[in-house]
Amino acid sequence: MSVSKEIKQVRAMVLELLQTNPKYRDSDKMLCSKIWAIQMGGMDKLKNLSAYDFLTEYVQKKSKLFNVVSIVRVRRKIQEETPELRGTKWKERNEEQGDVIKALGY
């Protein structure tokens, strides 16, 4: 699958989840977990999958699972463009941004 096609698919899925359930707005772990559960065929199938099998699928070159970095970047971009989809922690994180930049030496 091409990168642009994958990004469009990630964007559509992330946008839908941010719009329908606010709990995904503040937690990348929950957002990624939900997306991967959907991609793996739902919670019933995922419950019967071992951690080893999941990780083996995730690291495959042709994995059907979206990359965590892609999901997080798309979520950030959507929230930057659409303030009503920002979580309750967005303002707090933005206020800490200057301190983080200084700590990293940028």
PDB file of N, CA and C in Angstrom:
ATOM      1  N   MET A   1       0.847  -1.170   0.000  1.00  0.00           N
ATOM      2  CA  MET A   1       0.000   0.000   0.000  1.00  0.00           C
ATOM      3  C   MET A   1       0.897   1.238   0.000  1.00  0.00           C
ATOM      4  N   SER A   2       0.510   2.227  -0.786  1.00  0.00           N
ATOM      5  CA  SER A   2       1.316   3.445  -0.838  1.00  0.00           C
ATOM      6  C   SER A   2       1.169   4.237   0.463  1.00  0.00           C
ATOM      7  N   VAL A   3       2.188   5.047   0.737  1.00  0.00           N
ATOM      8  CA  VAL A   3       2.192   5.837   1.969  1.00  0.00           C
ATOM      9  C   VAL A   3       1.018   6.800   1.990  1.00  0.00           C
ATOM     10  N   SER A   4       0.743   7.470   0.877  1.00  0.00           N
ATOM     11  CA  SER A   4      -0.358   8.445   0.852  1.00  0.00           C
ATOM     12  C   SER A   4      -1.712   7.773   1.063  1.00  0.00           C
ATOM     13  N   LYS A   5      -1.881   6.583   0.519  1.00  0.00           N
ATOM     14  CA  LYS A   5      -3.138   5.851   0.719  1.00  0.00           C
ATOM     15  C   LYS A   5      -3.286   5.447   2.181  1.00  0.00           C
ATOM     16  N   GLU A   6      -2.175   4.985   2.784  1.00  0.00           N
ATOM     17  CA  GLU A   6      -2.224   4.588   4.192  1.00  0.00           C
ATOM     18  C   GLU A   6      -2.545   5.792   5.076  1.00  0.00           C
ATOM     19  N   ILE A   7      -1.915   6.935   4.809  1.00  0.00           N
ATOM     20  CA  ILE A   7      -2.171   8.130   5.616  1.00  0.00           C
ATOM     21  C   ILE A   7      -3.636   8.539   5.511  1.00  0.00           C
ATOM     22  N   LYS A   8      -4.219   8.437   4.327  1.00  0.00           N
ATOM     23  CA  LYS A   8      -5.642   8.767   4.156  1.00  0.00           C
ATOM     24  C   LYS A   8      -6.517   7.821   4.976  1.00  0.00           C
ATOM     25  N   GLN A   9      -6.152   6.546   4.995  1.00  0.00           N
ATOM     26  CA  GLN A   9      -6.909   5.572   5.781  1.00  0.00           C
ATOM     27  C   GLN A   9      -6.755   5.835   7.279  1.00  0.00           C
ATOM     28  N   VAL A  10      -5.526   6.127   7.705  1.00  0.00           N
ATOM     29  CA  VAL A  10      -5.280   6.438   9.117  1.00  0.00           C
ATOM     30  C   VAL A  10      -6.088   7.664   9.503  1.00  0.00           C
ATOM     31  N   ARG A  11      -6.026   8.703   8.675  1.00  0.00           N
ATOM     32  CA  ARG A  11      -6.737   9.954   8.957  1.00  0.00           C
ATOM     33  C   ARG A  11      -8.240   9.719   9.107  1.00  0.00           C
ATOM     34  N   ALA A  12      -8.821   8.952   8.206  1.00  0.00           N
ATOM     35  CA  ALA A  12     -10.261   8.689   8.267  1.00  0.00           C
ATOM     36  C   ALA A  12     -10.628   7.964   9.562  1.00  0.00           C
ATOM     37  N   MET A  13      -9.835   6.977   9.927  1.00  0.00           N
ATOM     38  CA  MET A  13     -10.129   6.201  11.132  1.00  0.00           C
ATOM     39  C   MET A  13      -9.927   7.036  12.393  1.00  0.00           C
ATOM     40  N   VAL A  14      -8.838   7.785  12.459  1.00  0.00           N
ATOM     41  CA  VAL A  14      -8.565   8.619  13.630  1.00  0.00           C
ATOM     42  C   VAL A  14      -9.641   9.687  13.768  1.00  0.00           C
ATOM     43  N   LEU A  15      -9.997  10.331  12.676  1.00  0.00           N
ATOM     44  CA  LEU A  15     -11.022  11.374  12.717  1.00  0.00           C
ATOM     45  C   LEU A  15     -12.340  10.833  13.249  1.00  0.00           C
ATOM     46  N   GLU A  16     -12.743   9.681  12.754  1.00  0.00           N
ATOM     47  CA  GLU A  16     -13.997   9.078  13.223  1.00  0.00           C
ATOM     48  C   GLU A  16     -13.950   8.783  14.724  1.00  0.00           C
ATOM     49  N   LEU A  17     -12.836   8.221  15.188  1.00  0.00           N
ATOM     50  CA  LEU A  17     -12.731   7.889  16.610  1.00  0.00           C
ATOM     51  C   LEU A  17     -12.697   9.144  17.486  1.00  0.00           C
ATOM     52  N   LEU A  18     -12.003  10.183  17.049  1.00  0.00           N
ATOM     53  CA  LEU A  18     -11.964  11.428  17.825  1.00  0.00           C
ATOM     54  C   LEU A  18     -13.342  12.085  17.885  1.00  0.00           C
ATOM     55  N   GLN A  19     -14.098  11.967  16.814  1.00  0.00           N
ATOM     56  CA  GLN A  19     -15.431  12.563  16.772  1.00  0.00           C
ATOM     57  C   GLN A  19     -16.436  11.781  17.613  1.00  0.00           C
ATOM     58  N   THR A  20     -16.312  10.468  17.627  1.00  0.00           N
ATOM     59  CA  THR A  20     -17.333   9.648  18.288  1.00  0.00           C
ATOM     60  C   THR A  20     -17.052   9.332  19.742  1.00  0.00           C
ATOM     61  N   ASN A  21     -15.775   9.420  20.168  1.00  0.00           N
ATOM     62  CA  ASN A  21     -15.481   9.079  21.552  1.00  0.00           C
ATOM     63  C   ASN A  21     -14.341   9.934  22.104  1.00  0.00           C
ATOM     64  N   PRO A  22     -14.668  10.890  22.966  1.00  0.00           N
ATOM     65  CA  PRO A  22     -13.664  11.808  23.512  1.00  0.00           C
ATOM     66  C   PRO A  22     -12.513  11.142  24.269  1.00  0.00           C
ATOM     67  N   LYS A  23     -12.675   9.916  24.737  1.00  0.00           N
ATOM     68  CA  LYS A  23     -11.594   9.283  25.505  1.00  0.00           C
ATOM     69  C   LYS A  23     -10.348   9.056  24.660  1.00  0.00           C
ATOM     70  N   TYR A  24     -10.498   9.017  23.332  1.00  0.00           N
ATOM     71  CA  TYR A  24      -9.340   8.819  22.458  1.00  0.00           C
ATOM     72  C   TYR A  24      -8.583  10.112  22.192  1.00  0.00           C
ATOM     73  N   ARG A  25      -9.115  11.245  22.592  1.00  0.00           N
ATOM     74  CA  ARG A  25      -8.498  12.541  22.327  1.00  0.00           C
ATOM     75  C   ARG A  25      -7.266  12.796  23.188  1.00  0.00           C
ATOM     76  N   ASP A  26      -7.190  12.186  24.337  1.00  0.00           N
ATOM     77  CA  ASP A  26      -6.095  12.424  25.279  1.00  0.00           C
ATOM     78  C   ASP A  26      -5.154  11.237  25.450  1.00  0.00           C
ATOM     79  N   SER A  27      -5.422  10.130  24.800  1.00  0.00           N
ATOM     80  CA  SER A  27      -4.608   8.933  25.029  1.00  0.00           C
ATOM     81  C   SER A  27      -4.227   8.265  23.710  1.00  0.00           C
ATOM     82  N   ASP A  28      -2.970   8.443  23.329  1.00  0.00           N
ATOM     83  CA  ASP A  28      -2.485   7.785  22.118  1.00  0.00           C
ATOM     84  C   ASP A  28      -2.489   6.268  22.283  1.00  0.00           C
ATOM     85  N   LYS A  29      -2.237   5.791  23.487  1.00  0.00           N
ATOM     86  CA  LYS A  29      -2.258   4.347  23.726  1.00  0.00           C
ATOM     87  C   LYS A  29      -3.647   3.775  23.468  1.00  0.00           C
ATOM     88  N   MET A  30      -4.664   4.452  23.976  1.00  0.00           N
ATOM     89  CA  MET A  30      -6.033   3.973  23.768  1.00  0.00           C
ATOM     90  C   MET A  30      -6.432   4.079  22.299  1.00  0.00           C
ATOM     91  N   LEU A  31      -6.036   5.174  21.658  1.00  0.00           N
ATOM     92  CA  LEU A  31      -6.356   5.379  20.248  1.00  0.00           C
ATOM     93  C   LEU A  31      -5.703   4.296  19.390  1.00  0.00           C
ATOM     94  N   CYS A  32      -4.419   4.062  19.583  1.00  0.00           N
ATOM     95  CA  CYS A  32      -3.719   3.024  18.816  1.00  0.00           C
ATOM     96  C   CYS A  32      -4.314   1.648  19.086  1.00  0.00           C
ATOM     97  N   SER A  33      -4.587   1.360  20.332  1.00  0.00           N
ATOM     98  CA  SER A  33      -5.158   0.054  20.691  1.00  0.00           C
ATOM     99  C   SER A  33      -6.496  -0.172  20.000  1.00  0.00           C
ATOM    100  N   LYS A  34      -7.337   0.842  19.978  1.00  0.00           N
ATOM    101  CA  LYS A  34      -8.647   0.729  19.329  1.00  0.00           C
ATOM    102  C   LYS A  34      -8.488   0.511  17.830  1.00  0.00           C
ATOM    103  N   ILE A  35      -7.612   1.292  17.205  1.00  0.00           N
ATOM    104  CA  ILE A  35      -7.390   1.144  15.763  1.00  0.00           C
ATOM    105  C   ILE A  35      -6.876  -0.254  15.441  1.00  0.00           C
ATOM    106  N   TRP A  36      -5.904  -0.730  16.208  1.00  0.00           N
ATOM    107  CA  TRP A  36      -5.362  -2.066  15.951  1.00  0.00           C
ATOM    108  C   TRP A  36      -6.413  -3.150  16.200  1.00  0.00           C
ATOM    109  N   ALA A  37      -7.251  -2.962  17.200  1.00  0.00           N
ATOM    110  CA  ALA A  37      -8.317  -3.937  17.453  1.00  0.00           C
ATOM    111  C   ALA A  37      -9.254  -4.009  16.249  1.00  0.00           C
ATOM    112  N   ILE A  38      -9.596  -2.861  15.702  1.00  0.00           N
ATOM    113  CA  ILE A  38     -10.453  -2.824  14.508  1.00  0.00           C
ATOM    114  C   ILE A  38      -9.750  -3.531  13.347  1.00  0.00           C
ATOM    115  N   GLN A  39      -8.471  -3.200  13.141  1.00  0.00           N
ATOM    116  CA  GLN A  39      -7.732  -3.783  12.030  1.00  0.00           C
ATOM    117  C   GLN A  39      -7.543  -5.296  12.168  1.00  0.00           C
ATOM    118  N   MET A  40      -7.492  -5.778  13.374  1.00  0.00           N
ATOM    119  CA  MET A  40      -7.300  -7.213  13.603  1.00  0.00           C
ATOM    120  C   MET A  40      -8.618  -7.989  13.545  1.00  0.00           C
ATOM    121  N   GLY A  41      -9.730  -7.298  13.342  1.00  0.00           N
ATOM    122  CA  GLY A  41     -11.007  -7.986  13.184  1.00  0.00           C
ATOM    123  C   GLY A  41     -11.935  -7.882  14.372  1.00  0.00           C
ATOM    124  N   GLY A  42     -11.644  -6.998  15.301  1.00  0.00           N
ATOM    125  CA  GLY A  42     -12.512  -6.801  16.450  1.00  0.00           C
ATOM    126  C   GLY A  42     -11.948  -7.407  17.719  1.00  0.00           C
ATOM    127  N   MET A  43     -12.591  -7.043  18.818  1.00  0.00           N
ATOM    128  CA  MET A  43     -12.109  -7.474  20.133  1.00  0.00           C
ATOM    129  C   MET A  43     -12.184  -8.986  20.323  1.00  0.00           C
ATOM    130  N   ASP A  44     -13.198  -9.629  19.774  1.00  0.00           N
ATOM    131  CA  ASP A  44     -13.316 -11.076  19.953  1.00  0.00           C
ATOM    132  C   ASP A  44     -12.116 -11.808  19.350  1.00  0.00           C
ATOM    133  N   LYS A  45     -11.706 -11.396  18.161  1.00  0.00           N
ATOM    134  CA  LYS A  45     -10.541 -12.028  17.533  1.00  0.00           C
ATOM    135  C   LYS A  45      -9.259 -11.650  18.257  1.00  0.00           C
ATOM    136  N   LEU A  46      -9.172 -10.412  18.697  1.00  0.00           N
ATOM    137  CA  LEU A  46      -7.968  -9.944  19.374  1.00  0.00           C
ATOM    138  C   LEU A  46      -7.772 -10.648  20.719  1.00  0.00           C
ATOM    139  N   LYS A  47      -8.860 -10.952  21.408  1.00  0.00           N
ATOM    140  CA  LYS A  47      -8.765 -11.633  22.700  1.00  0.00           C
ATOM    141  C   LYS A  47      -8.132 -13.013  22.572  1.00  0.00           C
ATOM    142  N   ASN A  48      -8.288 -13.622  21.412  1.00  0.00           N
ATOM    143  CA  ASN A  48      -7.750 -14.969  21.199  1.00  0.00           C
ATOM    144  C   ASN A  48      -6.364 -14.950  20.562  1.00  0.00           C
ATOM    145  N   LEU A  49      -5.786 -13.771  20.413  1.00  0.00           N
ATOM    146  CA  LEU A  49      -4.470 -13.628  19.790  1.00  0.00           C
ATOM    147  C   LEU A  49      -3.410 -13.463  20.878  1.00  0.00           C
ATOM    148  N   SER A  50      -2.321 -14.179  20.746  1.00  0.00           N
ATOM    149  CA  SER A  50      -1.252 -14.036  21.738  1.00  0.00           C
ATOM    150  C   SER A  50      -0.487 -12.736  21.482  1.00  0.00           C
ATOM    151  N   ALA A  51       0.203 -12.261  22.491  1.00  0.00           N
ATOM    152  CA  ALA A  51       1.034 -11.064  22.343  1.00  0.00           C
ATOM    153  C   ALA A  51       2.103 -11.314  21.285  1.00  0.00           C
ATOM    154  N   TYR A  52       2.650 -12.506  21.277  1.00  0.00           N
ATOM    155  CA  TYR A  52       3.667 -12.858  20.285  1.00  0.00           C
ATOM    156  C   TYR A  52       3.110 -12.736  18.864  1.00  0.00           C
ATOM    157  N   ASP A  53       1.912 -13.280  18.651  1.00  0.00           N
ATOM    158  CA  ASP A  53       1.294 -13.221  17.323  1.00  0.00           C
ATOM    159  C   ASP A  53       1.000 -11.775  16.917  1.00  0.00           C
ATOM    160  N   PHE A  54       0.531 -10.977  17.861  1.00  0.00           N
ATOM    161  CA  PHE A  54       0.261  -9.571  17.568  1.00  0.00           C
ATOM    162  C   PHE A  54       1.547  -8.847  17.176  1.00  0.00           C
ATOM    163  N   LEU A  55       2.606  -9.025  17.973  1.00  0.00           N
ATOM    164  CA  LEU A  55       3.867  -8.347  17.689  1.00  0.00           C
ATOM    165  C   LEU A  55       4.484  -8.836  16.379  1.00  0.00           C
ATOM    166  N   THR A  56       4.329 -10.108  16.099  1.00  0.00           N
ATOM    167  CA  THR A  56       4.821 -10.646  14.833  1.00  0.00           C
ATOM    168  C   THR A  56       4.111  -9.975  13.664  1.00  0.00           C
ATOM    169  N   GLU A  57       2.816  -9.793  13.772  1.00  0.00           N
ATOM    170  CA  GLU A  57       2.052  -9.088  12.730  1.00  0.00           C
ATOM    171  C   GLU A  57       2.492  -7.635  12.622  1.00  0.00           C
ATOM    172  N   TYR A  58       2.672  -6.983  13.753  1.00  0.00           N
ATOM    173  CA  TYR A  58       3.009  -5.556  13.760  1.00  0.00           C
ATOM    174  C   TYR A  58       4.346  -5.277  13.067  1.00  0.00           C
ATOM    175  N   VAL A  59       5.323  -6.140  13.236  1.00  0.00           N
ATOM    176  CA  VAL A  59       6.655  -5.872  12.680  1.00  0.00           C
ATOM    177  C   VAL A  59       6.832  -6.361  11.241  1.00  0.00           C
ATOM    178  N   GLN A  60       5.847  -7.050  10.703  1.00  0.00           N
ATOM    179  CA  GLN A  60       5.948  -7.508   9.318  1.00  0.00           C
ATOM    180  C   GLN A  60       6.064  -6.333   8.364  1.00  0.00           C
ATOM    181  N   LYS A  61       6.863  -6.480   7.347  1.00  0.00           N
ATOM    182  CA  LYS A  61       7.046  -5.417   6.350  1.00  0.00           C
ATOM    183  C   LYS A  61       5.713  -5.063   5.692  1.00  0.00           C
ATOM    184  N   LYS A  62       4.891  -6.032   5.435  1.00  0.00           N
ATOM    185  CA  LYS A  62       3.579  -5.809   4.796  1.00  0.00           C
ATOM    186  C   LYS A  62       2.442  -5.933   5.817  1.00  0.00           C
ATOM    187  N   SER A  63       2.672  -5.472   7.028  1.00  0.00           N
ATOM    188  CA  SER A  63       1.666  -5.570   8.088  1.00  0.00           C
ATOM    189  C   SER A  63       0.411  -4.783   7.727  1.00  0.00           C
ATOM    190  N   LYS A  64      -0.724  -5.318   8.132  1.00  0.00           N
ATOM    191  CA  LYS A  64      -1.980  -4.590   7.927  1.00  0.00           C
ATOM    192  C   LYS A  64      -2.201  -3.549   9.026  1.00  0.00           C
ATOM    193  N   LEU A  65      -1.360  -3.558  10.052  1.00  0.00           N
ATOM    194  CA  LEU A  65      -1.512  -2.638  11.176  1.00  0.00           C
ATOM    195  C   LEU A  65      -0.819  -1.314  10.889  1.00  0.00           C
ATOM    196  N   PHE A  66      -1.518  -0.226  11.176  1.00  0.00           N
ATOM    197  CA  PHE A  66      -0.930   1.093  10.996  1.00  0.00           C
ATOM    198  C   PHE A  66       0.196   1.298  11.999  1.00  0.00           C
ATOM    199  N   ASN A  67       1.197   2.026  11.593  1.00  0.00           N
ATOM    200  CA  ASN A  67       2.334   2.363  12.439  1.00  0.00           C
ATOM    201  C   ASN A  67       1.898   3.349  13.516  1.00  0.00           C
ATOM    202  N   VAL A  68       2.371   3.166  14.731  1.00  0.00           N
ATOM    203  CA  VAL A  68       2.011   4.042  15.843  1.00  0.00           C
ATOM    204  C   VAL A  68       2.385   5.498  15.545  1.00  0.00           C
ATOM    205  N   VAL A  69       3.513   5.716  14.892  1.00  0.00           N
ATOM    206  CA  VAL A  69       3.945   7.083  14.584  1.00  0.00           C
ATOM    207  C   VAL A  69       2.951   7.754  13.637  1.00  0.00           C
ATOM    208  N   SER A  70       2.468   7.024  12.659  1.00  0.00           N
ATOM    209  CA  SER A  70       1.484   7.579  11.722  1.00  0.00           C
ATOM    210  C   SER A  70       0.199   7.959  12.444  1.00  0.00           C
ATOM    211  N   ILE A  71      -0.258   7.095  13.324  1.00  0.00           N
ATOM    212  CA  ILE A  71      -1.492   7.363  14.068  1.00  0.00           C
ATOM    213  C   ILE A  71      -1.338   8.620  14.910  1.00  0.00           C
ATOM    214  N   VAL A  72      -0.239   8.725  15.635  1.00  0.00           N
ATOM    215  CA  VAL A  72      -0.016   9.870  16.528  1.00  0.00           C
ATOM    216  C   VAL A  72       0.134  11.166  15.731  1.00  0.00           C
ATOM    217  N   ARG A  73       0.876  11.122  14.638  1.00  0.00           N
ATOM    218  CA  ARG A  73       1.045  12.338  13.819  1.00  0.00           C
ATOM    219  C   ARG A  73      -0.278  12.813  13.242  1.00  0.00           C
ATOM    220  N   VAL A  74      -1.075  11.875  12.764  1.00  0.00           N
ATOM    221  CA  VAL A  74      -2.382  12.233  12.209  1.00  0.00           C
ATOM    222  C   VAL A  74      -3.274  12.817  13.303  1.00  0.00           C
ATOM    223  N   ARG A  75      -3.265  12.200  14.475  1.00  0.00           N
ATOM    224  CA  ARG A  75      -4.073  12.722  15.589  1.00  0.00           C
ATOM    225  C   ARG A  75      -3.657  14.146  15.926  1.00  0.00           C
ATOM    226  N   ARG A  76      -2.367  14.417  16.005  1.00  0.00           N
ATOM    227  CA  ARG A  76      -1.872  15.757  16.317  1.00  0.00           C
ATOM    228  C   ARG A  76      -2.318  16.770  15.269  1.00  0.00           C
ATOM    229  N   LYS A  77      -2.207  16.391  13.998  1.00  0.00           N
ATOM    230  CA  LYS A  77      -2.577  17.295  12.909  1.00  0.00           C
ATOM    231  C   LYS A  77      -4.071  17.595  12.936  1.00  0.00           C
ATOM    232  N   ILE A  78      -4.876  16.572  13.146  1.00  0.00           N
ATOM    233  CA  ILE A  78      -6.326  16.773  13.226  1.00  0.00           C
ATOM    234  C   ILE A  78      -6.674  17.713  14.375  1.00  0.00           C
ATOM    235  N   GLN A  79      -6.059  17.506  15.531  1.00  0.00           N
ATOM    236  CA  GLN A  79      -6.358  18.350  16.686  1.00  0.00           C
ATOM    237  C   GLN A  79      -5.827  19.767  16.503  1.00  0.00           C
ATOM    238  N   GLU A  80      -4.755  19.922  15.760  1.00  0.00           N
ATOM    239  CA  GLU A  80      -4.246  21.258  15.456  1.00  0.00           C
ATOM    240  C   GLU A  80      -5.239  22.014  14.575  1.00  0.00           C
ATOM    241  N   GLU A  81      -5.813  21.322  13.598  1.00  0.00           N
ATOM    242  CA  GLU A  81      -6.731  21.930  12.638  1.00  0.00           C
ATOM    243  C   GLU A  81      -8.161  22.051  13.163  1.00  0.00           C
ATOM    244  N   THR A  82      -8.533  21.205  14.121  1.00  0.00           N
ATOM    245  CA  THR A  82      -9.914  21.124  14.589  1.00  0.00           C
ATOM    246  C   THR A  82      -9.943  21.219  16.116  1.00  0.00           C
ATOM    247  N   PRO A  83      -9.983  22.450  16.645  1.00  0.00           N
ATOM    248  CA  PRO A  83      -9.908  22.633  18.106  1.00  0.00           C
ATOM    249  C   PRO A  83     -10.971  21.869  18.905  1.00  0.00           C
ATOM    250  N   GLU A  84     -12.143  21.658  18.338  1.00  0.00           N
ATOM    251  CA  GLU A  84     -13.199  20.962  19.091  1.00  0.00           C
ATOM    252  C   GLU A  84     -12.891  19.480  19.295  1.00  0.00           C
ATOM    253  N   LEU A  85     -11.884  18.956  18.597  1.00  0.00           N
ATOM    254  CA  LEU A  85     -11.495  17.562  18.784  1.00  0.00           C
ATOM    255  C   LEU A  85     -10.285  17.406  19.697  1.00  0.00           C
ATOM    256  N   ARG A  86      -9.847  18.503  20.295  1.00  0.00           N
ATOM    257  CA  ARG A  86      -8.741  18.440  21.251  1.00  0.00           C
ATOM    258  C   ARG A  86      -9.252  17.883  22.569  1.00  0.00           C
ATOM    259  N   GLY A  87      -8.401  17.152  23.234  1.00  0.00           N
ATOM    260  CA  GLY A  87      -8.768  16.588  24.521  1.00  0.00           C
ATOM    261  C   GLY A  87      -8.662  17.613  25.636  1.00  0.00           C
ATOM    262  N   THR A  88      -8.998  17.198  26.824  1.00  0.00           N
ATOM    263  CA  THR A  88      -8.958  18.098  27.976  1.00  0.00           C
ATOM    264  C   THR A  88      -7.524  18.416  28.399  1.00  0.00           C
ATOM    265  N   LYS A  89      -6.570  17.584  28.019  1.00  0.00           N
ATOM    266  CA  LYS A  89      -5.177  17.792  28.403  1.00  0.00           C
ATOM    267  C   LYS A  89      -4.388  18.590  27.357  1.00  0.00           C
ATOM    268  N   TRP A  90      -5.003  18.956  26.244  1.00  0.00           N
ATOM    269  CA  TRP A  90      -4.302  19.630  25.153  1.00  0.00           C
ATOM    270  C   TRP A  90      -3.662  20.935  25.601  1.00  0.00           C
ATOM    271  N   LYS A  91      -4.430  21.766  26.266  1.00  0.00           N
ATOM    272  CA  LYS A  91      -3.917  23.070  26.698  1.00  0.00           C
ATOM    273  C   LYS A  91      -2.748  22.888  27.670  1.00  0.00           C
ATOM    274  N   GLU A  92      -2.899  21.970  28.592  1.00  0.00           N
ATOM    275  CA  GLU A  92      -1.847  21.678  29.579  1.00  0.00           C
ATOM    276  C   GLU A  92      -0.549  21.245  28.894  1.00  0.00           C
ATOM    277  N   ARG A  93      -0.665  20.355  27.895  1.00  0.00           N
ATOM    278  CA  ARG A  93       0.512  19.883  27.168  1.00  0.00           C
ATOM    279  C   ARG A  93       1.164  21.018  26.386  1.00  0.00           C
ATOM    280  N   ASN A  94       0.363  21.869  25.769  1.00  0.00           N
ATOM    281  CA  ASN A  94       0.916  22.988  25.001  1.00  0.00           C
ATOM    282  C   ASN A  94       1.654  23.972  25.895  1.00  0.00           C
ATOM    283  N   GLU A  95       1.155  24.170  27.104  1.00  0.00           N
ATOM    284  CA  GLU A  95       1.813  25.088  28.034  1.00  0.00           C
ATOM    285  C   GLU A  95       3.168  24.542  28.480  1.00  0.00           C
ATOM    286  N   GLU A  96       3.329  23.233  28.519  1.00  0.00           N
ATOM    287  CA  GLU A  96       4.583  22.598  28.914  1.00  0.00           C
ATOM    288  C   GLU A  96       5.577  22.507  27.755  1.00  0.00           C
ATOM    289  N   GLN A  97       5.140  22.806  26.561  1.00  0.00           N
ATOM    290  CA  GLN A  97       5.971  22.642  25.376  1.00  0.00           C
ATOM    291  C   GLN A  97       7.284  23.426  25.473  1.00  0.00           C
ATOM    292  N   GLY A  98       7.225  24.656  25.951  1.00  0.00           N
ATOM    293  CA  GLY A  98       8.438  25.470  26.068  1.00  0.00           C
ATOM    294  C   GLY A  98       9.463  24.838  26.999  1.00  0.00           C
ATOM    295  N   ASP A  99       9.009  24.297  28.124  1.00  0.00           N
ATOM    296  CA  ASP A  99       9.915  23.632  29.055  1.00  0.00           C
ATOM    297  C   ASP A  99      10.558  22.393  28.436  1.00  0.00           C
ATOM    298  N   VAL A 100       9.786  21.650  27.663  1.00  0.00           N
ATOM    299  CA  VAL A 100      10.304  20.446  27.016  1.00  0.00           C
ATOM    300  C   VAL A 100      11.355  20.809  25.967  1.00  0.00           C
ATOM    301  N   ILE A 101      11.057  21.837  25.201  1.00  0.00           N
ATOM    302  CA  ILE A 101      12.009  22.298  24.184  1.00  0.00           C
ATOM    303  C   ILE A 101      13.331  22.715  24.833  1.00  0.00           C
ATOM    304  N   LYS A 102      13.237  23.446  25.927  1.00  0.00           N
ATOM    305  CA  LYS A 102      14.460  23.855  26.647  1.00  0.00           C
ATOM    306  C   LYS A 102      15.210  22.648  27.179  1.00  0.00           C
ATOM    307  N   ALA A 103      14.484  21.696  27.753  1.00  0.00           N
ATOM    308  CA  ALA A 103      15.118  20.506  28.326  1.00  0.00           C
ATOM    309  C   ALA A 103      15.827  19.675  27.262  1.00  0.00           C
ATOM    310  N   LEU A 104      15.277  19.682  26.050  1.00  0.00           N
ATOM    311  CA  LEU A 104      15.888  18.920  24.958  1.00  0.00           C
ATOM    312  C   LEU A 104      17.015  19.684  24.275  1.00  0.00           C
ATOM    313  N   GLY A 105      17.161  20.968  24.623  1.00  0.00           N
ATOM    314  CA  GLY A 105      18.247  21.771  24.073  1.00  0.00           C
ATOM    315  C   GLY A 105      17.997  22.328  22.699  1.00  0.00           C
ATOM    316  N   TYR A 106      16.740  22.477  22.300  1.00  0.00           N
ATOM    317  CA  TYR A 106      16.421  23.030  20.973  1.00  0.00           C
ATOM    318  C   TYR A 106      16.411  24.537  21.004  1.00  0.00           C
TER     319      TYR A 106
END
